[in-house]
Amino acid sequence: MSAGALAGELVDGRLRFSAEAVRAAGLEAVASCALLREGTDLWLIPLRDAAHGGFLLKRRNARGDRVLDAADFFRRNPPAAPGLRSLRFDFRPERAAYVARHVFESFRQDV
């Protein structure tokens, strides 16, 4: 994986990250993340303190794998492909956040 990228998996409304991916991205101290849908993109915004809100980035196991349970978010914002699993988040320093492109369907408005 290139620098500035974070690999994750979407499984049953949960974003899963391996311990290696978390370390490579420098997210070990992150307690929670905000999720934002912007068009067809998914933004993951790391929050250092869970008191700031967002979804908890919980430790899954002793290895340090992490999971972010966001089933309610993904029910309201279903992915474009129902079987979508692998996601690649690229870091955008201007927003201090990660973006996964084209995760959601684009909606057409009939005029």
PDB file of N, CA and C in Angstrom:
ATOM      1  N   MET A   1       0.855  -1.176   0.000  1.00  0.00           N
ATOM      2  CA  MET A   1       0.000   0.000   0.000  1.00  0.00           C
ATOM      3  C   MET A   1       0.898   1.235   0.000  1.00  0.00           C
ATOM      4  N   SER A   2       0.543   2.229  -0.769  1.00  0.00           N
ATOM      5  CA  SER A   2       1.352   3.447  -0.838  1.00  0.00           C
ATOM      6  C   SER A   2       1.109   4.319   0.384  1.00  0.00           C
ATOM      7  N   ALA A   3       2.066   5.212   0.637  1.00  0.00           N
ATOM      8  CA  ALA A   3       1.927   6.132   1.777  1.00  0.00           C
ATOM      9  C   ALA A   3       0.686   6.994   1.585  1.00  0.00           C
ATOM     10  N   GLY A   4       0.011   7.267   2.681  1.00  0.00           N
ATOM     11  CA  GLY A   4      -1.176   8.107   2.608  1.00  0.00           C
ATOM     12  C   GLY A   4      -2.442   7.342   2.279  1.00  0.00           C
ATOM     13  N   ALA A   5      -2.355   6.010   2.208  1.00  0.00           N
ATOM     14  CA  ALA A   5      -3.534   5.206   1.910  1.00  0.00           C
ATOM     15  C   ALA A   5      -3.862   4.323   3.113  1.00  0.00           C
ATOM     16  N   LEU A   6      -5.127   3.990   3.234  1.00  0.00           N
ATOM     17  CA  LEU A   6      -5.609   3.139   4.313  1.00  0.00           C
ATOM     18  C   LEU A   6      -6.535   2.101   3.704  1.00  0.00           C
ATOM     19  N   ALA A   7      -6.188   0.833   3.852  1.00  0.00           N
ATOM     20  CA  ALA A   7      -7.025  -0.246   3.320  1.00  0.00           C
ATOM     21  C   ALA A   7      -8.018  -0.674   4.388  1.00  0.00           C
ATOM     22  N   GLY A   8      -9.251  -0.885   3.971  1.00  0.00           N
ATOM     23  CA  GLY A   8     -10.280  -1.322   4.893  1.00  0.00           C
ATOM     24  C   GLY A   8     -11.256  -2.254   4.210  1.00  0.00           C
ATOM     25  N   GLU A   9     -12.114  -2.839   5.010  1.00  0.00           N
ATOM     26  CA  GLU A   9     -13.158  -3.728   4.513  1.00  0.00           C
ATOM     27  C   GLU A   9     -14.491  -3.282   5.078  1.00  0.00           C
ATOM     28  N   LEU A  10     -15.514  -3.327   4.259  1.00  0.00           N
ATOM     29  CA  LEU A  10     -16.873  -3.044   4.708  1.00  0.00           C
ATOM     30  C   LEU A  10     -17.616  -4.373   4.794  1.00  0.00           C
ATOM     31  N   VAL A  11     -17.994  -4.762   6.017  1.00  0.00           N
ATOM     32  CA  VAL A  11     -18.677  -6.029   6.240  1.00  0.00           C
ATOM     33  C   VAL A  11     -19.853  -5.778   7.170  1.00  0.00           C
ATOM     34  N   ASP A  12     -21.068  -6.003   6.676  1.00  0.00           N
ATOM     35  CA  ASP A  12     -22.284  -5.863   7.490  1.00  0.00           C
ATOM     36  C   ASP A  12     -22.352  -4.530   8.223  1.00  0.00           C
ATOM     37  N   GLY A  13     -22.040  -3.447   7.537  1.00  0.00           N
ATOM     38  CA  GLY A  13     -22.140  -2.127   8.132  1.00  0.00           C
ATOM     39  C   GLY A  13     -20.990  -1.761   9.051  1.00  0.00           C
ATOM     40  N   ARG A  14     -19.950  -2.567   9.039  1.00  0.00           N
ATOM     41  CA  ARG A  14     -18.771  -2.305   9.869  1.00  0.00           C
ATOM     42  C   ARG A  14     -17.558  -2.095   8.973  1.00  0.00           C
ATOM     43  N   LEU A  15     -16.782  -1.076   9.282  1.00  0.00           N
ATOM     44  CA  LEU A  15     -15.507  -0.872   8.602  1.00  0.00           C
ATOM     45  C   LEU A  15     -14.439  -1.551   9.439  1.00  0.00           C
ATOM     46  N   ARG A  16     -13.695  -2.449   8.814  1.00  0.00           N
ATOM     47  CA  ARG A  16     -12.635  -3.175   9.506  1.00  0.00           C
ATOM     48  C   ARG A  16     -11.281  -2.766   8.944  1.00  0.00           C
ATOM     49  N   PHE A  17     -10.322  -2.602   9.854  1.00  0.00           N
ATOM     50  CA  PHE A  17      -8.969  -2.223   9.475  1.00  0.00           C
ATOM     51  C   PHE A  17      -7.993  -3.143  10.186  1.00  0.00           C
ATOM     52  N   SER A  18      -7.002  -3.638   9.473  1.00  0.00           N
ATOM     53  CA  SER A  18      -5.988  -4.478  10.097  1.00  0.00           C
ATOM     54  C   SER A  18      -5.082  -3.622  10.971  1.00  0.00           C
ATOM     55  N   ALA A  19      -4.427  -4.269  11.927  1.00  0.00           N
ATOM     56  CA  ALA A  19      -3.493  -3.573  12.806  1.00  0.00           C
ATOM     57  C   ALA A  19      -2.382  -2.927  11.985  1.00  0.00           C
ATOM     58  N   GLU A  20      -1.925  -3.614  10.938  1.00  0.00           N
ATOM     59  CA  GLU A  20      -0.868  -3.085  10.084  1.00  0.00           C
ATOM     60  C   GLU A  20      -1.312  -1.811   9.375  1.00  0.00           C
ATOM     61  N   ALA A  21      -2.534  -1.803   8.873  1.00  0.00           N
ATOM     62  CA  ALA A  21      -3.066  -0.622   8.175  1.00  0.00           C
ATOM     63  C   ALA A  21      -3.204   0.555   9.142  1.00  0.00           C
ATOM     64  N   VAL A  22      -3.658   0.264  10.356  1.00  0.00           N
ATOM     65  CA  VAL A  22      -3.828   1.311  11.378  1.00  0.00           C
ATOM     66  C   VAL A  22      -2.471   1.918  11.728  1.00  0.00           C
ATOM     67  N   ARG A  23      -1.461   1.057  11.933  1.00  0.00           N
ATOM     68  CA  ARG A  23      -0.115   1.548  12.252  1.00  0.00           C
ATOM     69  C   ARG A  23       0.471   2.350  11.099  1.00  0.00           C
ATOM     70  N   ALA A  24       0.351   1.843   9.880  1.00  0.00           N
ATOM     71  CA  ALA A  24       0.915   2.525   8.712  1.00  0.00           C
ATOM     72  C   ALA A  24       0.298   3.909   8.519  1.00  0.00           C
ATOM     73  N   ALA A  25      -0.975   4.046   8.881  1.00  0.00           N
ATOM     74  CA  ALA A  25      -1.663   5.332   8.737  1.00  0.00           C
ATOM     75  C   ALA A  25      -1.467   6.221   9.968  1.00  0.00           C
ATOM     76  N   GLY A  26      -0.826   5.686  11.013  1.00  0.00           N
ATOM     77  CA  GLY A  26      -0.607   6.469  12.226  1.00  0.00           C
ATOM     78  C   GLY A  26      -1.875   6.722  13.022  1.00  0.00           C
ATOM     79  N   LEU A  27      -2.799   5.771  12.993  1.00  0.00           N
ATOM     80  CA  LEU A  27      -4.096   5.958  13.645  1.00  0.00           C
ATOM     81  C   LEU A  27      -4.221   5.231  14.983  1.00  0.00           C
ATOM     82  N   GLU A  28      -3.113   4.795  15.568  1.00  0.00           N
ATOM     83  CA  GLU A  28      -3.182   4.032  16.811  1.00  0.00           C
ATOM     84  C   GLU A  28      -3.862   4.815  17.931  1.00  0.00           C
ATOM     85  N   ALA A  29      -3.676   6.118  17.978  1.00  0.00           N
ATOM     86  CA  ALA A  29      -4.228   6.939  19.060  1.00  0.00           C
ATOM     87  C   ALA A  29      -5.632   7.466  18.769  1.00  0.00           C
ATOM     88  N   VAL A  30      -6.192   7.126  17.620  1.00  0.00           N
ATOM     89  CA  VAL A  30      -7.514   7.621  17.250  1.00  0.00           C
ATOM     90  C   VAL A  30      -8.589   6.837  17.993  1.00  0.00           C
ATOM     91  N   ALA A  31      -9.483   7.548  18.668  1.00  0.00           N
ATOM     92  CA  ALA A  31     -10.537   6.924  19.460  1.00  0.00           C
ATOM     93  C   ALA A  31     -11.836   6.758  18.682  1.00  0.00           C
ATOM     94  N   SER A  32     -12.109   7.677  17.767  1.00  0.00           N
ATOM     95  CA  SER A  32     -13.353   7.613  17.001  1.00  0.00           C
ATOM     96  C   SER A  32     -13.155   8.305  15.664  1.00  0.00           C
ATOM     97  N   CYS A  33     -14.123   8.104  14.781  1.00  0.00           N
ATOM     98  CA  CYS A  33     -14.076   8.711  13.447  1.00  0.00           C
ATOM     99  C   CYS A  33     -15.468   9.195  13.075  1.00  0.00           C
ATOM    100  N   ALA A  34     -15.506  10.288  12.373  1.00  0.00           N
ATOM    101  CA  ALA A  34     -16.759  10.751  11.786  1.00  0.00           C
ATOM    102  C   ALA A  34     -16.810  10.215  10.365  1.00  0.00           C
ATOM    103  N   LEU A  35     -18.003   9.884   9.898  1.00  0.00           N
ATOM    104  CA  LEU A  35     -18.207   9.466   8.510  1.00  0.00           C
ATOM    105  C   LEU A  35     -19.071  10.511   7.830  1.00  0.00           C
ATOM    106  N   LEU A  36     -18.745  10.794   6.599  1.00  0.00           N
ATOM    107  CA  LEU A  36     -19.472  11.789   5.833  1.00  0.00           C
ATOM    108  C   LEU A  36     -19.628  11.293   4.410  1.00  0.00           C
ATOM    109  N   ARG A  37     -20.845  11.354   3.918  1.00  0.00           N
ATOM    110  CA  ARG A  37     -21.080  11.055   2.516  1.00  0.00           C
ATOM    111  C   ARG A  37     -21.091  12.373   1.765  1.00  0.00           C
ATOM    112  N   GLU A  38     -20.250  12.455   0.752  1.00  0.00           N
ATOM    113  CA  GLU A  38     -20.191  13.645  -0.087  1.00  0.00           C
ATOM    114  C   GLU A  38     -20.306  13.170  -1.536  1.00  0.00           C
ATOM    115  N   GLY A  39     -21.496  13.293  -2.103  1.00  0.00           N
ATOM    116  CA  GLY A  39     -21.729  12.755  -3.444  1.00  0.00           C
ATOM    117  C   GLY A  39     -21.609  11.246  -3.421  1.00  0.00           C
ATOM    118  N   THR A  40     -20.703  10.703  -4.229  1.00  0.00           N
ATOM    119  CA  THR A  40     -20.497   9.256  -4.258  1.00  0.00           C
ATOM    120  C   THR A  40     -19.320   8.821  -3.396  1.00  0.00           C
ATOM    121  N   ASP A  41     -18.710   9.773  -2.679  1.00  0.00           N
ATOM    122  CA  ASP A  41     -17.511   9.483  -1.893  1.00  0.00           C
ATOM    123  C   ASP A  41     -17.824   9.318  -0.410  1.00  0.00           C
ATOM    124  N   LEU A  42     -17.020   8.489   0.255  1.00  0.00           N
ATOM    125  CA  LEU A  42     -17.104   8.284   1.690  1.00  0.00           C
ATOM    126  C   LEU A  42     -15.880   8.920   2.331  1.00  0.00           C
ATOM    127  N   TRP A  43     -16.107   9.833   3.261  1.00  0.00           N
ATOM    128  CA  TRP A  43     -15.028  10.490   4.001  1.00  0.00           C
ATOM    129  C   TRP A  43     -14.950   9.903   5.394  1.00  0.00           C
ATOM    130  N   LEU A  44     -13.742   9.581   5.830  1.00  0.00           N
ATOM    131  CA  LEU A  44     -13.448   9.082   7.157  1.00  0.00           C
ATOM    132  C   LEU A  44     -12.577  10.135   7.835  1.00  0.00           C
ATOM    133  N   ILE A  45     -13.115  10.741   8.897  1.00  0.00           N
ATOM    134  CA  ILE A  45     -12.440  11.848   9.572  1.00  0.00           C
ATOM    135  C   ILE A  45     -12.007  11.377  10.959  1.00  0.00           C
ATOM    136  N   PRO A  46     -10.709  11.159  11.166  1.00  0.00           N
ATOM    137  CA  PRO A  46     -10.237  10.694  12.472  1.00  0.00           C
ATOM    138  C   PRO A  46     -10.429  11.752  13.554  1.00  0.00           C
ATOM    139  N   LEU A  47     -10.892  11.304  14.725  1.00  0.00           N
ATOM    140  CA  LEU A  47     -11.070  12.176  15.883  1.00  0.00           C
ATOM    141  C   LEU A  47     -10.228  11.604  17.017  1.00  0.00           C
ATOM    142  N   ARG A  48      -9.369  12.384  17.591  1.00  0.00           N
ATOM    143  CA  ARG A  48      -8.449  11.894  18.629  1.00  0.00           C
ATOM    144  C   ARG A  48      -9.171  11.526  19.922  1.00  0.00           C
ATOM    145  N   ASP A  49     -10.280  12.175  20.222  1.00  0.00           N
ATOM    146  CA  ASP A  49     -10.966  11.985  21.491  1.00  0.00           C
ATOM    147  C   ASP A  49     -12.408  11.568  21.224  1.00  0.00           C
ATOM    148  N   ALA A  50     -12.847  10.484  21.838  1.00  0.00           N
ATOM    149  CA  ALA A  50     -14.223  10.010  21.642  1.00  0.00           C
ATOM    150  C   ALA A  50     -15.243  11.029  22.120  1.00  0.00           C
ATOM    151  N   ALA A  51     -14.838  11.972  22.965  1.00  0.00           N
ATOM    152  CA  ALA A  51     -15.754  13.012  23.438  1.00  0.00           C
ATOM    153  C   ALA A  51     -16.193  13.930  22.301  1.00  0.00           C
ATOM    154  N   HIS A  52     -15.466  13.901  21.195  1.00  0.00           N
ATOM    155  CA  HIS A  52     -15.834  14.714  20.033  1.00  0.00           C
ATOM    156  C   HIS A  52     -16.947  14.079  19.204  1.00  0.00           C
ATOM    157  N   GLY A  53     -17.385  12.900  19.596  1.00  0.00           N
ATOM    158  CA  GLY A  53     -18.473  12.238  18.887  1.00  0.00           C
ATOM    159  C   GLY A  53     -17.941  11.261  17.857  1.00  0.00           C
ATOM    160  N   GLY A  54     -18.756  11.005  16.841  1.00  0.00           N
ATOM    161  CA  GLY A  54     -18.368  10.067  15.803  1.00  0.00           C
ATOM    162  C   GLY A  54     -18.631   8.628  16.212  1.00  0.00           C
ATOM    163  N   PHE A  55     -18.110   7.722  15.416  1.00  0.00           N
ATOM    164  CA  PHE A  55     -18.232   6.286  15.657  1.00  0.00           C
ATOM    165  C   PHE A  55     -16.950   5.806  16.323  1.00  0.00           C
ATOM    166  N   LEU A  56     -17.082   4.989  17.371  1.00  0.00           N
ATOM    167  CA  LEU A  56     -15.905   4.480  18.074  1.00  0.00           C
ATOM    168  C   LEU A  56     -15.096   3.567  17.162  1.00  0.00           C
ATOM    169  N   LEU A  57     -13.803   3.719  17.207  1.00  0.00           N
ATOM    170  CA  LEU A  57     -12.874   2.860  16.466  1.00  0.00           C
ATOM    171  C   LEU A  57     -12.339   1.846  17.477  1.00  0.00           C
ATOM    172  N   LYS A  58     -13.065   0.746  17.612  1.00  0.00           N
ATOM    173  CA  LYS A  58     -12.794  -0.226  18.672  1.00  0.00           C
ATOM    174  C   LYS A  58     -11.732  -1.238  18.258  1.00  0.00           C
ATOM    175  N   ARG A  59     -10.993  -1.689  19.244  1.00  0.00           N
ATOM    176  CA  ARG A  59     -10.020  -2.767  19.029  1.00  0.00           C
ATOM    177  C   ARG A  59     -10.796  -4.080  18.932  1.00  0.00           C
ATOM    178  N   ARG A  60     -10.516  -4.864  17.878  1.00  0.00           N
ATOM    179  CA  ARG A  60     -11.218  -6.127  17.651  1.00  0.00           C
ATOM    180  C   ARG A  60     -10.559  -7.303  18.337  1.00  0.00           C
ATOM    181  N   ASN A  61      -9.234  -7.257  18.446  1.00  0.00           N
ATOM    182  CA  ASN A  61      -8.506  -8.413  18.959  1.00  0.00           C
ATOM    183  C   ASN A  61      -7.156  -7.979  19.530  1.00  0.00           C
ATOM    184  N   ALA A  62      -6.414  -8.943  20.056  1.00  0.00           N
ATOM    185  CA  ALA A  62      -5.124  -8.648  20.680  1.00  0.00           C
ATOM    186  C   ALA A  62      -4.096  -8.144  19.674  1.00  0.00           C
ATOM    187  N   ARG A  63      -4.241  -8.492  18.406  1.00  0.00           N
ATOM    188  CA  ARG A  63      -3.302  -8.017  17.370  1.00  0.00           C
ATOM    189  C   ARG A  63      -3.406  -6.512  17.164  1.00  0.00           C
ATOM    190  N   GLY A  64      -4.570  -5.959  17.472  1.00  0.00           N
ATOM    191  CA  GLY A  64      -4.760  -4.522  17.281  1.00  0.00           C
ATOM    192  C   GLY A  64      -5.605  -4.165  16.078  1.00  0.00           C
ATOM    193  N   ASP A  65      -6.247  -5.167  15.458  1.00  0.00           N
ATOM    194  CA  ASP A  65      -7.186  -4.863  14.375  1.00  0.00           C
ATOM    195  C   ASP A  65      -8.282  -3.979  14.949  1.00  0.00           C
ATOM    196  N   ARG A  66      -8.840  -3.114  14.118  1.00  0.00           N
ATOM    197  CA  ARG A  66      -9.870  -2.172  14.577  1.00  0.00           C
ATOM    198  C   ARG A  66     -11.145  -2.345  13.777  1.00  0.00           C
ATOM    199  N   VAL A  67     -12.263  -1.945  14.385  1.00  0.00           N
ATOM    200  CA  VAL A  67     -13.560  -1.976  13.721  1.00  0.00           C
ATOM    201  C   VAL A  67     -14.344  -0.728  14.093  1.00  0.00           C
ATOM    202  N   LEU A  68     -15.052  -0.207  13.125  1.00  0.00           N
ATOM    203  CA  LEU A  68     -15.903   0.960  13.309  1.00  0.00           C
ATOM    204  C   LEU A  68     -17.317   0.507  12.929  1.00  0.00           C
ATOM    205  N   ASP A  69     -18.197   0.375  13.909  1.00  0.00           N
ATOM    206  CA  ASP A  69     -19.562  -0.104  13.673  1.00  0.00           C
ATOM    207  C   ASP A  69     -20.444   1.067  13.248  1.00  0.00           C
ATOM    208  N   ALA A  70     -20.799   1.089  11.973  1.00  0.00           N
ATOM    209  CA  ALA A  70     -21.590   2.192  11.426  1.00  0.00           C
ATOM    210  C   ALA A  70     -22.774   1.663  10.623  1.00  0.00           C
ATOM    211  N   ALA A  71     -23.412   0.616  11.139  1.00  0.00           N
ATOM    212  CA  ALA A  71     -24.523  -0.014  10.419  1.00  0.00           C
ATOM    213  C   ALA A  71     -25.637   0.982  10.116  1.00  0.00           C
ATOM    214  N   ASP A  72     -25.957   1.865  11.067  1.00  0.00           N
ATOM    215  CA  ASP A  72     -27.028   2.832  10.824  1.00  0.00           C
ATOM    216  C   ASP A  72     -26.642   3.807   9.703  1.00  0.00           C
ATOM    217  N   PHE A  73     -25.382   4.209   9.642  1.00  0.00           N
ATOM    218  CA  PHE A  73     -24.916   5.098   8.577  1.00  0.00           C
ATOM    219  C   PHE A  73     -25.065   4.419   7.212  1.00  0.00           C
ATOM    220  N   PHE A  74     -24.658   3.156   7.120  1.00  0.00           N
ATOM    221  CA  PHE A  74     -24.709   2.457   5.831  1.00  0.00           C
ATOM    222  C   PHE A  74     -26.118   2.006   5.462  1.00  0.00           C
ATOM    223  N   ARG A  75     -27.022   1.909   6.432  1.00  0.00           N
ATOM    224  CA  ARG A  75     -28.438   1.664   6.082  1.00  0.00           C
ATOM    225  C   ARG A  75     -29.018   2.893   5.392  1.00  0.00           C
ATOM    226  N   ARG A  76     -28.661   4.080   5.880  1.00  0.00           N
ATOM    227  CA  ARG A  76     -29.137   5.324   5.260  1.00  0.00           C
ATOM    228  C   ARG A  76     -28.382   5.653   3.973  1.00  0.00           C
ATOM    229  N   ASN A  77     -27.183   5.123   3.842  1.00  0.00           N
ATOM    230  CA  ASN A  77     -26.317   5.405   2.697  1.00  0.00           C
ATOM    231  C   ASN A  77     -25.750   4.095   2.155  1.00  0.00           C
ATOM    232  N   PRO A  78     -26.572   3.296   1.471  1.00  0.00           N
ATOM    233  CA  PRO A  78     -26.081   1.995   1.014  1.00  0.00           C
ATOM    234  C   PRO A  78     -25.005   2.143  -0.069  1.00  0.00           C
ATOM    235  N   PRO A  79     -24.006   1.261  -0.031  1.00  0.00           N
ATOM    236  CA  PRO A  79     -22.967   1.292  -1.061  1.00  0.00           C
ATOM    237  C   PRO A  79     -23.536   0.993  -2.444  1.00  0.00           C
ATOM    238  N   ALA A  80     -22.822   1.439  -3.462  1.00  0.00           N
ATOM    239  CA  ALA A  80     -23.261   1.251  -4.849  1.00  0.00           C
ATOM    240  C   ALA A  80     -23.376  -0.229  -5.185  1.00  0.00           C
ATOM    241  N   ALA A  81     -22.424  -1.026  -4.735  1.00  0.00           N
ATOM    242  CA  ALA A  81     -22.447  -2.467  -4.989  1.00  0.00           C
ATOM    243  C   ALA A  81     -22.767  -3.172  -3.675  1.00  0.00           C
ATOM    244  N   PRO A  82     -23.858  -3.938  -3.636  1.00  0.00           N
ATOM    245  CA  PRO A  82     -24.254  -4.578  -2.382  1.00  0.00           C
ATOM    246  C   PRO A  82     -23.161  -5.449  -1.766  1.00  0.00           C
ATOM    247  N   GLY A  83     -22.345  -6.084  -2.574  1.00  0.00           N
ATOM    248  CA  GLY A  83     -21.298  -6.962  -2.062  1.00  0.00           C
ATOM    249  C   GLY A  83     -19.970  -6.260  -1.854  1.00  0.00           C
ATOM    250  N   LEU A  84     -19.977  -4.930  -1.899  1.00  0.00           N
ATOM    251  CA  LEU A  84     -18.739  -4.174  -1.749  1.00  0.00           C
ATOM    252  C   LEU A  84     -18.058  -4.521  -0.433  1.00  0.00           C
ATOM    253  N   ARG A  85     -16.788  -4.865  -0.506  1.00  0.00           N
ATOM    254  CA  ARG A  85     -16.054  -5.231   0.706  1.00  0.00           C
ATOM    255  C   ARG A  85     -14.771  -4.438   0.853  1.00  0.00           C
ATOM    256  N   SER A  86     -13.924  -4.456  -0.135  1.00  0.00           N
ATOM    257  CA  SER A  86     -12.622  -3.793  -0.027  1.00  0.00           C
ATOM    258  C   SER A  86     -12.734  -2.315  -0.360  1.00  0.00           C
ATOM    259  N   LEU A  87     -12.167  -1.505   0.514  1.00  0.00           N
ATOM    260  CA  LEU A  87     -12.158  -0.061   0.288  1.00  0.00           C
ATOM    261  C   LEU A  87     -10.735   0.454   0.413  1.00  0.00           C
ATOM    262  N   ARG A  88     -10.409   1.433  -0.378  1.00  0.00           N
ATOM    263  CA  ARG A  88      -9.118   2.103  -0.282  1.00  0.00           C
ATOM    264  C   ARG A  88      -9.403   3.566   0.029  1.00  0.00           C
ATOM    265  N   PHE A  89      -8.902   4.009   1.164  1.00  0.00           N
ATOM    266  CA  PHE A  89      -9.039   5.398   1.585  1.00  0.00           C
ATOM    267  C   PHE A  89      -7.718   6.104   1.321  1.00  0.00           C
ATOM    268  N   ASP A  90      -7.771   7.223   0.635  1.00  0.00           N
ATOM    269  CA  ASP A  90      -6.585   8.041   0.382  1.00  0.00           C
ATOM    270  C   ASP A  90      -6.637   9.259   1.289  1.00  0.00           C
ATOM    271  N   PHE A  91      -5.495   9.587   1.881  1.00  0.00           N
ATOM    272  CA  PHE A  91      -5.436  10.717   2.797  1.00  0.00           C
ATOM    273  C   PHE A  91      -5.433  12.031   2.033  1.00  0.00           C
ATOM    274  N   ARG A  92      -6.251  12.979   2.498  1.00  0.00           N
ATOM    275  CA  ARG A  92      -6.315  14.324   1.924  1.00  0.00           C
ATOM    276  C   ARG A  92      -5.896  15.306   3.018  1.00  0.00           C
ATOM    277  N   PRO A  93      -4.638  15.758   2.996  1.00  0.00           N
ATOM    278  CA  PRO A  93      -4.138  16.616   4.076  1.00  0.00           C
ATOM    279  C   PRO A  93      -4.906  17.923   4.226  1.00  0.00           C
ATOM    280  N   GLU A  94      -5.446  18.449   3.144  1.00  0.00           N
ATOM    281  CA  GLU A  94      -6.185  19.720   3.242  1.00  0.00           C
ATOM    282  C   GLU A  94      -7.450  19.584   4.083  1.00  0.00           C
ATOM    283  N   ARG A  95      -7.941  18.361   4.255  1.00  0.00           N
ATOM    284  CA  ARG A  95      -9.128  18.126   5.090  1.00  0.00           C
ATOM    285  C   ARG A  95      -8.811  17.279   6.320  1.00  0.00           C
ATOM    286  N   ALA A  96      -7.550  16.870   6.453  1.00  0.00           N
ATOM    287  CA  ALA A  96      -7.131  15.990   7.552  1.00  0.00           C
ATOM    288  C   ALA A  96      -8.061  14.789   7.653  1.00  0.00           C
ATOM    289  N   ALA A  97      -8.363  14.193   6.499  1.00  0.00           N
ATOM    290  CA  ALA A  97      -9.325  13.098   6.431  1.00  0.00           C
ATOM    291  C   ALA A  97      -8.955  12.146   5.291  1.00  0.00           C
ATOM    292  N   TYR A  98      -9.599  10.994   5.311  1.00  0.00           N
ATOM    293  CA  TYR A  98      -9.407   9.981   4.277  1.00  0.00           C
ATOM    294  C   TYR A  98     -10.660   9.916   3.410  1.00  0.00           C
ATOM    295  N   VAL A  99     -10.480   9.645   2.120  1.00  0.00           N
ATOM    296  CA  VAL A  99     -11.619   9.526   1.216  1.00  0.00           C
ATOM    297  C   VAL A  99     -11.537   8.215   0.435  1.00  0.00           C
ATOM    298  N   ALA A 100     -12.674   7.533   0.356  1.00  0.00           N
ATOM    299  CA  ALA A 100     -12.842   6.366  -0.506  1.00  0.00           C
ATOM    300  C   ALA A 100     -13.775   6.818  -1.625  1.00  0.00           C
ATOM    301  N   ARG A 101     -13.287   6.803  -2.838  1.00  0.00           N
ATOM    302  CA  ARG A 101     -14.031   7.344  -3.975  1.00  0.00           C
ATOM    303  C   ARG A 101     -15.054   6.342  -4.513  1.00  0.00           C
ATOM    304  N   HIS A 102     -16.184   6.860  -4.971  1.00  0.00           N
ATOM    305  CA  HIS A 102     -17.225   6.109  -5.684  1.00  0.00           C
ATOM    306  C   HIS A 102     -17.792   4.931  -4.878  1.00  0.00           C
ATOM    307  N   VAL A 103     -17.991   5.130  -3.593  1.00  0.00           N
ATOM    308  CA  VAL A 103     -18.557   4.090  -2.741  1.00  0.00           C
ATOM    309  C   VAL A 103     -20.075   4.023  -2.901  1.00  0.00           C
ATOM    310  N   PHE A 104     -20.695   5.172  -3.095  1.00  0.00           N
ATOM    311  CA  PHE A 104     -22.153   5.241  -3.140  1.00  0.00           C
ATOM    312  C   PHE A 104     -22.655   5.470  -4.556  1.00  0.00           C
ATOM    313  N   GLU A 105     -23.894   5.082  -4.769  1.00  0.00           N
ATOM    314  CA  GLU A 105     -24.519   5.332  -6.055  1.00  0.00           C
ATOM    315  C   GLU A 105     -24.744   6.823  -6.209  1.00  0.00           C
ATOM    316  N   SER A 106     -24.656   7.278  -7.448  1.00  0.00           N
ATOM    317  CA  SER A 106     -25.012   8.666  -7.685  1.00  0.00           C
ATOM    318  C   SER A 106     -26.514   8.714  -7.951  1.00  0.00           C
ATOM    319  N   PHE A 107     -27.136   9.725  -7.432  1.00  0.00           N
ATOM    320  CA  PHE A 107     -28.581   9.868  -7.604  1.00  0.00           C
ATOM    321  C   PHE A 107     -28.859  10.865  -8.706  1.00  0.00           C
ATOM    322  N   ARG A 108     -29.770  10.486  -9.594  1.00  0.00           N
ATOM    323  CA  ARG A 108     -30.178  11.408 -10.653  1.00  0.00           C
ATOM    324  C   ARG A 108     -31.460  12.088 -10.225  1.00  0.00           C
ATOM    325  N   GLN A 109     -31.553  13.351 -10.515  1.00  0.00           N
ATOM    326  CA  GLN A 109     -32.795  14.058 -10.245  1.00  0.00           C
ATOM    327  C   GLN A 109     -33.516  14.248 -11.561  1.00  0.00           C
ATOM    328  N   ASP A 110     -34.742  13.766 -11.603  1.00  0.00           N
ATOM    329  CA  ASP A 110     -35.549  13.974 -12.817  1.00  0.00           C
ATOM    330  C   ASP A 110     -36.127  15.373 -12.801  1.00  0.00           C
ATOM    331  N   VAL A 111     -35.959  16.064 -13.901  1.00  0.00           N
ATOM    332  CA  VAL A 111     -36.445  17.440 -13.991  1.00  0.00           C
ATOM    333  C   VAL A 111     -37.698  17.470 -14.821  1.00  0.00           C
TER     334      VAL A 111
END
